């Protein structure tokens, strides 16, 4: 979810997750970048070609954004999480076919 609100660089993703979890989740750089590479390979994330102004940026940073597929998968995951937390008269949620990578990984990493 951290990249759902806009493009982020790796360190910014780590800070955002730590902040959103009250420090309960702290990512290591190696694990984060392995997950990012996997999500890029699954076409859920992309490296953004856009850059902030040079005086506000470090040229070593890489910025990541959700792809259109990543946005659809995230929406399906949010729907699924919402569905599982409600009491509904139906016995099961609608079937949604997702790609191999889970957006839960994208949300957490």
Foldseek 3Di string as FASTA:
>chain_A
DQQAVHKDWQVRLQVVLCVVVVNPDGDDSVVSVVLVVVCVVLQQKDFDPDDDPPVVDDVVTTIMHGDPLNVVLVVVVVVQVVVVPDDDPDPDDDDDDHPPDHCVSVNND
